[in-house]
Amino acid sequence: MNFRFLLFSILTISFMFVGCGAAIVGGAAYGGYKGATDQRSMGTMMDDSIISTKVKTRMIGDEFVKARNIDVDVLNGIVYLIGVVESSSQKRMAADIARGVEGVRNIANQLIVGKSSIGQNFDDTMLTSKIRVKLLQAPDIRSTNIDVDTYNNVITLTGIVRTQQEINKAIYVVQKIAGNRHIVNNLSVGK
């Protein structure tokens, strides 16, 4: 059997379970809580998970895009592309790949064109961890509904929460940690 095909198959199957990852990898309680607190219907969450998996799988299969530094978040059919790519051509191609997936309603291409060093990646990871902990500790914020991504000191919050007040509180918490770093707010109020 061809090694590349086998590797691609394993990755594809792995990404098919991304939306259920918390429940599959020893986090059944977290997965259940996330599903219970998410403002989307189960059908919409499943559709979004499938779209995310398809977009990421297609990007992994594309040698030009180099998807290793691209996070794909999908909320109600809107694809948020977050991360770092090396050129504006890669940024456009990533959006084109996402646009070609069935069910995609819109693309929010928030990819940063530039380079990222190992040191920068470490700093971004540490900052993301600090933010997640503070959001978890904050009263009246359902932090499991908020995805935090940091690339090259740009912090992106994506998710659906209950109220505008919850968005305001989350932004306040993040600003206290972020200092003068740029914050992208992709949070919206669920219906």
Protein backbone atom coordinates (compact mmCIF):
# COMPACT_ATOMS: atom_id res chain seq x y z
CA MET A 1 0.00 0.00 0.00
CA ASN A 2 1.24 3.48 -0.83
CA PHE A 3 2.58 5.20 2.33
CA ARG A 4 1.32 8.66 1.31
CA PHE A 5 -2.17 7.26 0.67
CA LEU A 6 -2.16 5.51 4.03
CA LEU A 7 -1.00 8.67 5.83
CA PHE A 8 -3.59 10.79 4.01
CA SER A 9 -6.32 8.27 4.91
CA ILE A 10 -5.35 8.28 8.57
CA LEU A 11 -5.29 12.08 8.66
CA THR A 12 -8.63 12.29 6.88
CA ILE A 13 -10.26 9.90 9.33
CA SER A 14 -8.71 11.80 12.24
CA PHE A 15 -10.06 15.11 11.01
CA MET A 16 -13.51 13.61 10.53
CA PHE A 17 -13.67 13.32 14.30
CA VAL A 18 -12.37 16.83 15.08
CA GLY A 19 -15.82 18.09 16.09
CA CYS A 20 -16.24 15.13 18.45
CA GLY A 21 -12.61 15.17 19.60
CA ALA A 22 -13.38 16.21 23.14
CA ALA A 23 -15.78 13.32 23.60
CA ILE A 24 -13.49 10.78 21.94
CA VAL A 25 -10.19 11.63 23.62
CA GLY A 26 -11.02 11.19 27.28
CA GLY A 27 -13.08 14.35 27.56
CA ALA A 28 -16.63 13.08 27.41
CA ALA A 29 -17.75 15.44 30.16
CA TYR A 30 -16.25 18.44 28.39
CA GLY A 31 -17.74 17.37 25.07
CA GLY A 32 -21.16 16.95 26.65
CA TYR A 33 -20.91 20.34 28.36
CA LYS A 34 -19.76 22.04 25.16
CA GLY A 35 -22.66 20.53 23.24
CA ALA A 36 -25.11 21.49 25.96
CA THR A 37 -23.93 25.10 26.16
CA ASP A 38 -23.37 25.81 22.46
CA GLN A 39 -26.07 28.10 21.08
CA ARG A 40 -26.27 26.18 17.77
CA SER A 41 -28.55 23.22 17.17
CA MET A 42 -26.94 19.76 17.12
CA GLY A 43 -27.58 19.59 13.37
CA THR A 44 -25.82 22.90 12.78
CA MET A 45 -22.89 21.90 15.01
CA MET A 46 -22.55 18.66 13.03
CA ASP A 47 -22.77 20.49 9.69
CA ASP A 48 -20.12 22.98 10.85
CA SER A 49 -17.86 20.16 12.01
CA ILE A 50 -18.18 18.39 8.66
CA ILE A 51 -17.42 21.61 6.76
CA SER A 52 -14.38 22.25 8.96
CA THR A 53 -13.09 18.72 8.40
CA LYS A 54 -13.55 18.93 4.63
CA VAL A 55 -11.83 22.33 4.39
CA LYS A 56 -8.88 21.25 6.52
CA THR A 57 -8.54 17.93 4.67
CA ARG A 58 -8.48 19.69 1.29
CA MET A 59 -5.89 22.16 2.56
CA ILE A 60 -3.70 19.36 3.87
CA GLY A 61 -3.91 17.72 0.45
CA ASP A 62 -2.80 20.94 -1.26
CA GLU A 63 0.99 21.27 -1.44
CA PHE A 64 0.85 25.03 -2.07
CA VAL A 65 -1.29 26.15 0.88
CA LYS A 66 0.74 24.42 3.62
CA ALA A 67 -2.14 24.11 6.06
CA ARG A 68 -0.02 23.37 9.14
CA ASN A 69 -0.36 26.97 10.37
CA ILE A 70 -4.03 27.43 9.46
CA ASP A 71 -6.87 26.99 11.93
CA VAL A 72 -10.32 26.45 10.42
CA ASP A 73 -13.28 27.43 12.59
CA VAL A 74 -16.83 27.16 11.25
CA LEU A 75 -19.89 28.76 12.83
CA ASN A 76 -23.26 28.51 11.10
CA GLY A 77 -21.61 27.84 7.74
CA ILE A 78 -19.20 30.78 8.00
CA VAL A 79 -15.59 29.61 7.66
CA TYR A 80 -13.00 31.53 9.68
CA LEU A 81 -9.46 31.02 8.37
CA ILE A 82 -7.02 31.99 11.11
CA GLY A 83 -3.25 31.61 11.10
CA VAL A 84 -0.09 32.46 9.19
CA VAL A 85 0.75 31.83 5.53
CA GLU A 86 3.85 32.78 3.58
CA SER A 87 2.24 34.74 0.74
CA SER A 88 -0.91 36.52 -0.37
CA SER A 89 -1.27 33.81 -3.02
CA GLN A 90 -1.47 31.16 -0.29
CA LYS A 91 -4.02 33.30 1.53
CA ARG A 92 -6.19 33.55 -1.61
CA MET A 93 -5.80 29.84 -2.37
CA ALA A 94 -6.85 28.87 1.18
CA ALA A 95 -10.04 30.92 0.73
CA ASP A 96 -10.64 29.35 -2.68
CA ILE A 97 -10.30 25.86 -1.20
CA ALA A 98 -12.79 26.72 1.56
CA ARG A 99 -15.18 28.31 -0.92
CA GLY A 100 -15.26 25.04 -2.88
CA VAL A 101 -16.70 23.03 0.03
CA GLU A 102 -20.43 22.39 0.01
CA GLY A 103 -22.35 24.18 2.76
CA VAL A 104 -19.98 27.14 3.11
CA ARG A 105 -22.05 30.32 3.35
CA ASN A 106 -19.20 32.81 3.69
CA ILE A 107 -15.46 33.06 4.27
CA ALA A 108 -13.76 35.28 6.86
CA ASN A 109 -10.17 35.12 5.63
CA GLN A 110 -8.17 36.40 8.59
CA LEU A 111 -4.89 34.77 7.60
CA ILE A 112 -1.75 36.77 8.30
CA VAL A 113 0.88 36.91 5.56
CA GLY A 114 4.32 36.52 7.08
CA LYS A 115 6.69 34.15 8.83
CA SER A 116 6.52 32.61 12.26
CA SER A 117 9.52 31.39 14.23
CA ILE A 118 9.67 28.58 16.76
CA GLY A 119 10.10 31.18 19.50
CA GLN A 120 7.08 33.12 18.27
CA ASN A 121 5.00 29.93 18.13
CA PHE A 122 6.00 29.16 21.73
CA ASP A 123 5.09 32.69 22.87
CA ASP A 124 1.75 32.46 21.05
CA THR A 125 0.99 29.10 22.67
CA MET A 126 1.80 30.42 26.13
CA LEU A 127 -0.34 33.52 25.60
CA THR A 128 -3.25 31.40 24.34
CA SER A 129 -2.97 29.17 27.42
CA LYS A 130 -3.00 32.16 29.79
CA ILE A 131 -6.08 33.57 28.06
CA ARG A 132 -7.94 30.25 28.18
CA VAL A 133 -7.24 29.89 31.90
CA LYS A 134 -8.47 33.42 32.64
CA LEU A 135 -11.61 32.90 30.56
CA LEU A 136 -12.24 29.64 32.39
CA GLN A 137 -11.93 31.43 35.75
CA ALA A 138 -14.14 34.35 34.75
CA PRO A 139 -17.68 34.24 36.11
CA ASP A 140 -20.54 34.48 33.60
CA ILE A 141 -18.39 33.39 30.64
CA ARG A 142 -18.96 29.99 29.07
CA SER A 143 -15.36 29.65 28.01
CA THR A 144 -15.94 26.31 26.29
CA ASN A 145 -17.91 28.22 23.65
CA ILE A 146 -14.93 30.47 22.88
CA ASP A 147 -12.05 29.30 20.72
CA VAL A 148 -8.83 31.24 21.31
CA ASP A 149 -6.12 31.30 18.63
CA THR A 150 -2.91 33.32 18.68
CA TYR A 151 -0.65 33.71 15.66
CA ASN A 152 2.20 36.25 15.55
CA ASN A 153 0.77 38.09 18.58
CA VAL A 154 -2.68 38.46 16.98
CA ILE A 155 -5.33 36.98 19.27
CA THR A 156 -8.55 35.74 17.70
CA LEU A 157 -11.70 34.86 19.63
CA THR A 158 -14.28 32.80 17.77
CA GLY A 159 -17.55 31.41 19.06
CA ILE A 160 -21.20 31.85 19.82
CA VAL A 161 -22.18 33.06 23.28
CA ARG A 162 -25.45 33.93 25.03
CA THR A 163 -25.32 37.73 25.30
CA GLN A 164 -23.48 40.85 24.23
CA GLN A 165 -22.47 41.29 27.88
CA GLU A 166 -20.66 37.94 27.71
CA ILE A 167 -18.77 39.15 24.63
CA ASN A 168 -17.85 42.37 26.42
CA LYS A 169 -16.61 40.46 29.49
CA ALA A 170 -14.56 38.08 27.36
CA ILE A 171 -12.94 40.95 25.46
CA TYR A 172 -12.18 42.72 28.74
CA VAL A 173 -10.52 39.60 30.19
CA VAL A 174 -8.44 39.13 27.04
CA GLN A 175 -7.41 42.80 26.85
CA LYS A 176 -6.01 42.64 30.39
CA ILE A 177 -3.69 39.81 29.32
CA ALA A 178 -3.04 40.91 25.74
CA GLY A 179 -1.70 44.36 26.49
CA ASN A 180 -1.19 46.18 23.20
CA ARG A 181 -1.57 43.05 21.04
CA HIS A 182 -4.28 43.06 18.37
CA ILE A 183 -7.52 41.19 19.22
CA VAL A 184 -9.85 39.94 16.48
CA ASN A 185 -13.39 39.49 17.77
CA ASN A 186 -15.33 36.78 15.91
CA LEU A 187 -17.75 36.28 18.80
CA SER A 188 -21.45 36.50 18.13
CA VAL A 189 -24.63 36.17 20.16
CA GLY A 190 -26.60 32.97 19.60
CA LYS A 191 -30.25 32.97 18.81
